[in-house]
C-alpha atoms as a PDB file:
ATOM      1  CA  UNK A   1       0.000   0.000   0.000  1.00  0.00           C
ATOM      2  CA  UNK A   2       1.413   3.362  -0.978  1.00  0.00           C
ATOM      3  CA  UNK A   3       1.195   6.247   1.511  1.00  0.00           C
ATOM      4  CA  UNK A   4      -1.229   9.066   0.733  1.00  0.00           C
ATOM      5  CA  UNK A   5       0.464  11.995  -0.992  1.00  0.00           C
ATOM      6  CA  UNK A   6       1.364  14.789   1.404  1.00  0.00           C
ATOM      7  CA  UNK A   7      -0.689  17.956   1.034  1.00  0.00           C
ATOM      8  CA  UNK A   8       0.406  21.269   2.460  1.00  0.00           C
ATOM      9  CA  UNK A   9      -3.130  22.310   3.317  1.00  0.00           C
ATOM     10  CA  UNK A  10      -6.062  20.291   4.503  1.00  0.00           C
ATOM     11  CA  UNK A  11      -9.446  20.983   2.910  1.00  0.00           C
ATOM     12  CA  UNK A  12     -12.196  22.159   5.294  1.00  0.00           C
ATOM     13  CA  UNK A  13     -15.777  21.695   4.196  1.00  0.00           C
ATOM     14  CA  UNK A  14     -17.570  22.985   7.312  1.00  0.00           C
ATOM     15  CA  UNK A  15     -16.977  24.399  10.774  1.00  0.00           C
ATOM     16  CA  UNK A  16     -18.975  24.066  13.988  1.00  0.00           C
ATOM     17  CA  UNK A  17     -19.394  27.061  16.266  1.00  0.00           C
ATOM     18  CA  UNK A  18     -21.398  27.727  19.378  1.00  0.00           C
ATOM     19  CA  UNK A  19     -24.191  30.271  19.045  1.00  0.00           C
ATOM     20  CA  UNK A  20     -26.602  32.007  21.390  1.00  0.00           C
ATOM     21  CA  UNK A  21     -30.039  32.918  20.060  1.00  0.00           C
ATOM     22  CA  UNK A  22     -33.478  33.697  21.508  1.00  0.00           C
ATOM     23  CA  UNK A  23     -35.753  30.680  21.799  1.00  0.00           C
ATOM     24  CA  UNK A  24     -39.473  30.495  22.539  1.00  0.00           C
ATOM     25  CA  UNK A  25     -40.855  28.139  25.189  1.00  0.00           C
ATOM     26  CA  UNK A  26     -44.400  26.942  24.445  1.00  0.00           C
ATOM     27  CA  UNK A  27     -45.842  25.659  27.736  1.00  0.00           C
ATOM     28  CA  UNK A  28     -48.536  23.079  26.984  1.00  0.00           C
ATOM     29  CA  UNK A  29     -51.361  23.292  29.541  1.00  0.00           C
ATOM     30  CA  UNK A  30     -54.124  21.262  27.863  1.00  0.00           C
ATOM     31  CA  UNK A  31     -54.820  18.928  24.935  1.00  0.00           C
ATOM     32  CA  UNK A  32     -57.545  21.134  23.403  1.00  0.00           C
ATOM     33  CA  UNK A  33     -55.893  21.912  20.078  1.00  0.00           C
ATOM     34  CA  UNK A  34     -58.854  23.914  18.776  1.00  0.00           C
ATOM     35  CA  UNK A  35     -58.793  26.292  21.756  1.00  0.00           C
ATOM     36  CA  UNK A  36     -54.999  26.392  21.581  1.00  0.00           C
ATOM     37  CA  UNK A  37     -55.141  27.413  17.917  1.00  0.00           C
ATOM     38  CA  UNK A  38     -57.597  30.208  18.650  1.00  0.00           C
ATOM     39  CA  UNK A  39     -55.395  31.606  21.431  1.00  0.00           C
ATOM     40  CA  UNK A  40     -52.288  31.277  19.287  1.00  0.00           C
ATOM     41  CA  UNK A  41     -53.848  33.076  16.334  1.00  0.00           C
ATOM     42  CA  UNK A  42     -54.648  36.031  18.602  1.00  0.00           C
ATOM     43  CA  UNK A  43     -51.099  36.143  19.950  1.00  0.00           C
ATOM     44  CA  UNK A  44     -49.587  35.961  16.478  1.00  0.00           C
ATOM     45  CA  UNK A  45     -51.758  38.915  15.439  1.00  0.00           C
ATOM     46  CA  UNK A  46     -50.520  40.949  18.402  1.00  0.00           C
ATOM     47  CA  UNK A  47     -46.823  40.170  17.908  1.00  0.00           C
ATOM     48  CA  UNK A  48     -46.206  38.661  14.454  1.00  0.00           C
ATOM     49  CA  UNK A  49     -42.486  39.502  14.382  1.00  0.00           C
ATOM     50  CA  UNK A  50     -41.839  37.959  17.803  1.00  0.00           C
ATOM     51  CA  UNK A  51     -43.229  34.543  16.834  1.00  0.00           C
ATOM     52  CA  UNK A  52     -42.384  34.398  13.121  1.00  0.00           C
ATOM     53  CA  UNK A  53     -40.117  31.378  12.486  1.00  0.00           C
ATOM     54  CA  UNK A  54     -39.263  31.354  16.211  1.00  0.00           C
ATOM     55  CA  UNK A  55     -37.319  28.231  17.298  1.00  0.00           C
ATOM     56  CA  UNK A  56     -39.634  26.704  19.901  1.00  0.00           C
ATOM     57  CA  UNK A  57     -39.316  24.279  22.814  1.00  0.00           C
ATOM     58  CA  UNK A  58     -42.513  22.450  23.815  1.00  0.00           C
ATOM     59  CA  UNK A  59     -42.727  22.286  27.608  1.00  0.00           C
ATOM     60  CA  UNK A  60     -44.913  19.384  28.804  1.00  0.00           C
ATOM     61  CA  UNK A  61     -44.049  19.854  32.511  1.00  0.00           C
ATOM     62  CA  UNK A  62     -47.627  20.800  33.456  1.00  0.00           C
ATOM     63  CA  UNK A  63     -49.433  18.417  31.105  1.00  0.00           C
ATOM     64  CA  UNK A  64     -50.930  15.348  32.875  1.00  0.00           C
ATOM     65  CA  UNK A  65     -49.616  11.994  31.712  1.00  0.00           C
ATOM     66  CA  UNK A  66     -53.226  10.855  31.193  1.00  0.00           C
ATOM     67  CA  UNK A  67     -53.739  13.559  28.560  1.00  0.00           C
ATOM     68  CA  UNK A  68     -54.523  12.340  25.035  1.00  0.00           C
ATOM     69  CA  UNK A  69     -52.568  15.095  23.304  1.00  0.00           C
ATOM     70  CA  UNK A  70     -51.177  14.163  19.877  1.00  0.00           C
ATOM     71  CA  UNK A  71     -47.745  15.793  19.723  1.00  0.00           C
ATOM     72  CA  UNK A  72     -47.587  15.406  15.946  1.00  0.00           C
ATOM     73  CA  UNK A  73     -50.804  17.404  15.533  1.00  0.00           C
ATOM     74  CA  UNK A  74     -49.493  20.073  17.930  1.00  0.00           C
ATOM     75  CA  UNK A  75     -46.253  20.385  15.964  1.00  0.00           C
ATOM     76  CA  UNK A  76     -48.216  20.790  12.726  1.00  0.00           C
ATOM     77  CA  UNK A  77     -50.436  23.436  14.340  1.00  0.00           C
ATOM     78  CA  UNK A  78     -47.424  25.448  15.495  1.00  0.00           C
ATOM     79  CA  UNK A  79     -45.795  25.240  12.071  1.00  0.00           C
ATOM     80  CA  UNK A  80     -48.989  26.505  10.407  1.00  0.00           C
ATOM     81  CA  UNK A  81     -48.924  29.506  12.787  1.00  0.00           C
ATOM     82  CA  UNK A  82     -45.307  30.271  11.922  1.00  0.00           C
ATOM     83  CA  UNK A  83     -43.392  28.734  14.830  1.00  0.00           C
ATOM     84  CA  UNK A  84     -40.580  26.191  14.395  1.00  0.00           C
ATOM     85  CA  UNK A  85     -40.700  23.412  17.044  1.00  0.00           C
ATOM     86  CA  UNK A  86     -37.183  22.073  17.637  1.00  0.00           C
ATOM     87  CA  UNK A  87     -37.216  20.497  21.098  1.00  0.00           C
ATOM     88  CA  UNK A  88     -39.144  19.602  24.228  1.00  0.00           C
ATOM     89  CA  UNK A  89     -38.982  19.457  28.028  1.00  0.00           C
ATOM     90  CA  UNK A  90     -40.594  16.816  30.202  1.00  0.00           C
ATOM     91  CA  UNK A  91     -39.810  14.528  33.121  1.00  0.00           C
ATOM     92  CA  UNK A  92     -42.663  12.149  32.260  1.00  0.00           C
ATOM     93  CA  UNK A  93     -41.598   9.019  30.312  1.00  0.00           C
ATOM     94  CA  UNK A  94     -44.714   9.094  28.120  1.00  0.00           C
ATOM     95  CA  UNK A  95     -44.039  12.565  26.701  1.00  0.00           C
ATOM     96  CA  UNK A  96     -40.299  11.920  26.422  1.00  0.00           C
ATOM     97  CA  UNK A  97     -40.941   8.853  24.260  1.00  0.00           C
ATOM     98  CA  UNK A  98     -43.607  10.465  22.069  1.00  0.00           C
ATOM     99  CA  UNK A  99     -41.685  13.715  21.576  1.00  0.00           C
ATOM    100  CA  UNK A 100     -38.500  11.906  20.569  1.00  0.00           C
ATOM    101  CA  UNK A 101     -40.546   9.790  18.155  1.00  0.00           C
ATOM    102  CA  UNK A 102     -41.673  13.072  16.534  1.00  0.00           C
ATOM    103  CA  UNK A 103     -38.055  14.133  16.037  1.00  0.00           C
ATOM    104  CA  UNK A 104     -37.848  16.729  18.831  1.00  0.00           C
ATOM    105  CA  UNK A 105     -34.605  17.212  20.776  1.00  0.00           C
ATOM    106  CA  UNK A 106     -34.768  16.796  24.562  1.00  0.00           C
ATOM    107  CA  UNK A 107     -33.878  19.853  26.654  1.00  0.00           C
ATOM    108  CA  UNK A 108     -33.296  19.689  30.437  1.00  0.00           C
ATOM    109  CA  UNK A 109     -36.280  20.486  32.650  1.00  0.00           C
ATOM    110  CA  UNK A 110     -35.859  23.881  34.281  1.00  0.00           C
ATOM    111  CA  UNK A 111     -35.693  23.932  38.040  1.00  0.00           C
ATOM    112  CA  UNK A 112     -38.338  26.044  39.715  1.00  0.00           C
ATOM    113  CA  UNK A 113     -36.886  29.402  40.699  1.00  0.00           C
ATOM    114  CA  UNK A 114     -37.675  31.022  44.008  1.00  0.00           C
ATOM    115  CA  UNK A 115     -39.499  34.300  43.502  1.00  0.00           C
ATOM    116  CA  UNK A 116     -40.433  36.675  46.290  1.00  0.00           C
ATOM    117  CA  UNK A 117     -44.188  37.011  46.779  1.00  0.00           C
ATOM    118  CA  UNK A 118     -43.926  40.634  47.846  1.00  0.00           C
ATOM    119  CA  UNK A 119     -45.773  42.868  45.427  1.00  0.00           C
ATOM    120  CA  UNK A 120     -43.631  45.944  45.986  1.00  0.00           C
ATOM    121  CA  UNK A 121     -40.948  45.818  43.310  1.00  0.00           C
ATOM    122  CA  UNK A 122     -38.504  47.793  45.433  1.00  0.00           C
ATOM    123  CA  UNK A 123     -38.430  45.017  48.033  1.00  0.00           C
ATOM    124  CA  UNK A 124     -38.064  42.126  45.584  1.00  0.00           C
ATOM    125  CA  UNK A 125     -34.593  40.581  45.520  1.00  0.00           C
ATOM    126  CA  UNK A 126     -33.452  40.074  41.958  1.00  0.00           C
ATOM    127  CA  UNK A 127     -30.678  37.708  40.923  1.00  0.00           C
ATOM    128  CA  UNK A 128     -28.162  39.083  38.398  1.00  0.00           C
ATOM    129  CA  UNK A 129     -28.604  37.389  35.024  1.00  0.00           C
ATOM    130  CA  UNK A 130     -24.909  37.265  34.273  1.00  0.00           C
ATOM    131  CA  UNK A 131     -21.608  38.068  35.943  1.00  0.00           C
ATOM    132  CA  UNK A 132     -19.997  39.421  32.804  1.00  0.00           C
ATOM    133  CA  UNK A 133     -19.550  43.100  32.072  1.00  0.00           C
ATOM    134  CA  UNK A 134     -22.630  44.644  30.436  1.00  0.00           C
ATOM    135  CA  UNK A 135     -22.736  45.646  26.803  1.00  0.00           C
ATOM    136  CA  UNK A 136     -22.928  49.459  26.699  1.00  0.00           C
ATOM    137  CA  UNK A 137     -24.290  51.282  23.637  1.00  0.00           C
ATOM    138  CA  UNK A 138     -23.908  55.081  23.557  1.00  0.00           C
ATOM    139  CA  UNK A 139     -25.500  55.792  20.161  1.00  0.00           C
ATOM    140  CA  UNK A 140     -29.248  55.776  19.422  1.00  0.00           C
ATOM    141  CA  UNK A 141     -30.600  52.402  18.251  1.00  0.00           C
ATOM    142  CA  UNK A 142     -32.412  53.340  15.079  1.00  0.00           C
ATOM    143  CA  UNK A 143     -35.327  51.754  13.203  1.00  0.00           C
ATOM    144  CA  UNK A 144     -34.369  48.414  11.688  1.00  0.00           C
ATOM    145  CA  UNK A 145     -31.330  47.961  13.933  1.00  0.00           C
ATOM    146  CA  UNK A 146     -30.981  44.990  16.299  1.00  0.00           C
ATOM    147  CA  UNK A 147     -28.655  44.971  19.320  1.00  0.00           C
ATOM    148  CA  UNK A 148     -28.035  41.713  21.207  1.00  0.00           C
ATOM    149  CA  UNK A 149     -26.186  41.139  24.497  1.00  0.00           C
ATOM    150  CA  UNK A 150     -26.099  37.296  24.416  1.00  0.00           C
ATOM    151  CA  UNK A 151     -24.476  36.716  27.813  1.00  0.00           C
ATOM    152  CA  UNK A 152     -24.775  39.934  29.819  1.00  0.00           C
ATOM    153  CA  UNK A 153     -26.902  42.938  30.700  1.00  0.00           C
ATOM    154  CA  UNK A 154     -27.501  45.601  28.045  1.00  0.00           C
ATOM    155  CA  UNK A 155     -27.197  49.338  28.743  1.00  0.00           C
ATOM    156  CA  UNK A 156     -28.441  51.835  26.124  1.00  0.00           C
ATOM    157  CA  UNK A 157     -27.266  55.372  26.952  1.00  0.00           C
ATOM    158  CA  UNK A 158     -29.671  56.782  24.369  1.00  0.00           C
ATOM    159  CA  UNK A 159     -33.078  56.049  22.846  1.00  0.00           C
ATOM    160  CA  UNK A 160     -34.422  53.013  20.986  1.00  0.00           C
ATOM    161  CA  UNK A 161     -36.370  53.984  17.887  1.00  0.00           C
ATOM    162  CA  UNK A 162     -39.595  52.533  16.549  1.00  0.00           C
ATOM    163  CA  UNK A 163     -38.870  49.364  14.580  1.00  0.00           C
ATOM    164  CA  UNK A 164     -35.605  48.726  16.463  1.00  0.00           C
ATOM    165  CA  UNK A 165     -35.007  45.713  18.701  1.00  0.00           C
ATOM    166  CA  UNK A 166     -32.782  45.243  21.762  1.00  0.00           C
ATOM    167  CA  UNK A 167     -32.240  41.820  23.366  1.00  0.00           C
ATOM    168  CA  UNK A 168     -30.228  40.605  26.360  1.00  0.00           C
ATOM    169  CA  UNK A 169     -29.766  37.455  28.381  1.00  0.00           C
ATOM    170  CA  UNK A 170     -29.724  39.754  31.409  1.00  0.00           C
ATOM    171  CA  UNK A 171     -31.351  43.053  32.313  1.00  0.00           C
ATOM    172  CA  UNK A 172     -31.939  45.962  29.931  1.00  0.00           C
ATOM    173  CA  UNK A 173     -31.413  49.603  30.967  1.00  0.00           C
ATOM    174  CA  UNK A 174     -32.474  52.336  28.530  1.00  0.00           C
ATOM    175  CA  UNK A 175     -31.540  55.917  29.501  1.00  0.00           C
ATOM    176  CA  UNK A 176     -33.822  57.422  26.905  1.00  0.00           C
ATOM    177  CA  UNK A 177     -37.123  56.685  25.164  1.00  0.00           C
ATOM    178  CA  UNK A 178     -38.017  53.083  24.353  1.00  0.00           C
ATOM    179  CA  UNK A 179     -40.133  53.094  21.182  1.00  0.00           C
ATOM    180  CA  UNK A 180     -39.083  49.746  19.721  1.00  0.00           C
ATOM    181  CA  UNK A 181     -38.958  46.245  21.166  1.00  0.00           C
ATOM    182  CA  UNK A 182     -37.056  45.185  24.293  1.00  0.00           C
ATOM    183  CA  UNK A 183     -36.580  41.511  25.193  1.00  0.00           C
ATOM    184  CA  UNK A 184     -34.721  40.647  28.423  1.00  0.00           C
ATOM    185  CA  UNK A 185     -33.941  37.183  29.795  1.00  0.00           C
ATOM    186  CA  UNK A 186     -33.833  35.715  26.289  1.00  0.00           C
ATOM    187  CA  UNK A 187     -32.410  32.427  27.603  1.00  0.00           C
ATOM    188  CA  UNK A 188     -35.243  31.979  30.111  1.00  0.00           C
ATOM    189  CA  UNK A 189     -34.033  33.867  33.206  1.00  0.00           C
ATOM    190  CA  UNK A 190     -37.295  35.182  34.652  1.00  0.00           C
ATOM    191  CA  UNK A 191     -35.460  37.273  37.266  1.00  0.00           C
ATOM    192  CA  UNK A 192     -34.401  39.811  34.631  1.00  0.00           C
ATOM    193  CA  UNK A 193     -35.825  43.315  34.424  1.00  0.00           C
ATOM    194  CA  UNK A 194     -36.213  46.213  31.995  1.00  0.00           C
ATOM    195  CA  UNK A 195     -35.804  49.894  32.916  1.00  0.00           C
ATOM    196  CA  UNK A 196     -36.433  52.891  30.688  1.00  0.00           C
ATOM    197  CA  UNK A 197     -36.694  56.663  31.066  1.00  0.00           C
ATOM    198  CA  UNK A 198     -39.737  56.952  28.802  1.00  0.00           C
ATOM    199  CA  UNK A 199     -41.970  54.035  27.848  1.00  0.00           C
ATOM    200  CA  UNK A 200     -43.451  54.017  24.327  1.00  0.00           C
ATOM    201  CA  UNK A 201     -42.593  50.411  23.500  1.00  0.00           C
ATOM    202  CA  UNK A 202     -43.968  48.328  20.660  1.00  0.00           C
ATOM    203  CA  UNK A 203     -43.236  45.195  22.682  1.00  0.00           C
ATOM    204  CA  UNK A 204     -41.821  44.263  26.107  1.00  0.00           C
ATOM    205  CA  UNK A 205     -40.727  40.716  26.917  1.00  0.00           C
ATOM    206  CA  UNK A 206     -38.985  38.918  29.769  1.00  0.00           C
ATOM    207  CA  UNK A 207     -38.222  35.186  29.529  1.00  0.00           C
ATOM    208  CA  UNK A 208     -40.877  34.764  26.832  1.00  0.00           C
ATOM    209  CA  UNK A 209     -43.693  36.595  28.673  1.00  0.00           C
ATOM    210  CA  UNK A 210     -44.617  39.718  26.745  1.00  0.00           C
ATOM    211  CA  UNK A 211     -46.904  42.711  26.327  1.00  0.00           C
ATOM    212  CA  UNK A 212     -47.498  44.647  23.112  1.00  0.00           C
ATOM    213  CA  UNK A 213     -48.217  48.386  23.066  1.00  0.00           C
ATOM    214  CA  UNK A 214     -51.979  47.826  23.152  1.00  0.00           C
ATOM    215  CA  UNK A 215     -51.602  45.953  26.466  1.00  0.00           C
ATOM    216  CA  UNK A 216     -49.702  48.763  28.222  1.00  0.00           C
ATOM    217  CA  UNK A 217     -51.882  50.823  30.565  1.00  0.00           C
ATOM    218  CA  UNK A 218     -52.046  54.506  29.595  1.00  0.00           C
ATOM    219  CA  UNK A 219     -50.835  55.549  33.061  1.00  0.00           C
ATOM    220  CA  UNK A 220     -47.411  54.081  32.218  1.00  0.00           C
ATOM    221  CA  UNK A 221     -47.228  55.476  28.692  1.00  0.00           C
ATOM    222  CA  UNK A 222     -44.405  58.041  28.290  1.00  0.00           C
ATOM    223  CA  UNK A 223     -43.472  57.519  31.943  1.00  0.00           C
ATOM    224  CA  UNK A 224     -40.302  56.202  33.602  1.00  0.00           C
ATOM    225  CA  UNK A 225     -40.886  52.472  33.895  1.00  0.00           C
ATOM    226  CA  UNK A 226     -39.592  49.334  35.595  1.00  0.00           C
ATOM    227  CA  UNK A 227     -40.731  46.049  34.031  1.00  0.00           C
ATOM    228  CA  UNK A 228     -40.350  42.674  35.771  1.00  0.00           C
ATOM    229  CA  UNK A 229     -42.039  39.283  36.239  1.00  0.00           C
ATOM    230  CA  UNK A 230     -44.034  38.121  39.247  1.00  0.00           C
ATOM    231  CA  UNK A 231     -45.583  34.625  39.264  1.00  0.00           C
ATOM    232  CA  UNK A 232     -45.277  34.462  35.483  1.00  0.00           C
ATOM    233  CA  UNK A 233     -47.000  37.833  34.915  1.00  0.00           C
ATOM    234  CA  UNK A 234     -45.296  40.809  33.295  1.00  0.00           C
ATOM    235  CA  UNK A 235     -45.618  43.792  35.637  1.00  0.00           C
ATOM    236  CA  UNK A 236     -45.028  47.468  34.805  1.00  0.00           C
ATOM    237  CA  UNK A 237     -44.146  49.730  37.724  1.00  0.00           C
ATOM    238  CA  UNK A 238     -43.807  53.493  37.352  1.00  0.00           C
ATOM    239  CA  UNK A 239     -40.542  54.842  38.766  1.00  0.00           C
END
């Protein structure tokens, strides 16, 4: 056998890199697909850009094992509405088996996080989302621009224009007017918060829970605002 001829350079046909990207968690609470579709259609109307082609994890943690849900039908429903199911969470053997059979990737079940029950936001202890230095932006974030802090807090020392989007795995601080979209806790940390000097947002989201502009009470509009989660609900507190 003759040795392979020596080549000075080795051909590379692909490379594998780690990436951090927002992902949607779809928590399944019932097996009523018709009612689910109706609710989903309404949410897609309210925030079409947030859910369009969104990589989605199906969370079956609260679905009883006796449920007759057909995961294949659910996946098809989500695809019709523009979502892209890629994985699932469950500790129940039944759903693990069925979801894997449908080609979904298993993600670890999130541990329940301890959240203070005090309603006053000033007295709620918040856990930092990341220990890394925050990403600081001094220029305005203009329409069509997207700024992402994938593993830290995000500080905007200016305003965020309509049609712009700012995302962070941690907290978001905006020392100007927020007219675009702000999404904190994009990797699921529900202890994250959003602060802004003037609230005129198109969309606010923390760990997948969101409000669109129509859902924001007029008393908070154009006011200094603090946005956070309590018991899974997005709360707006005027500063």
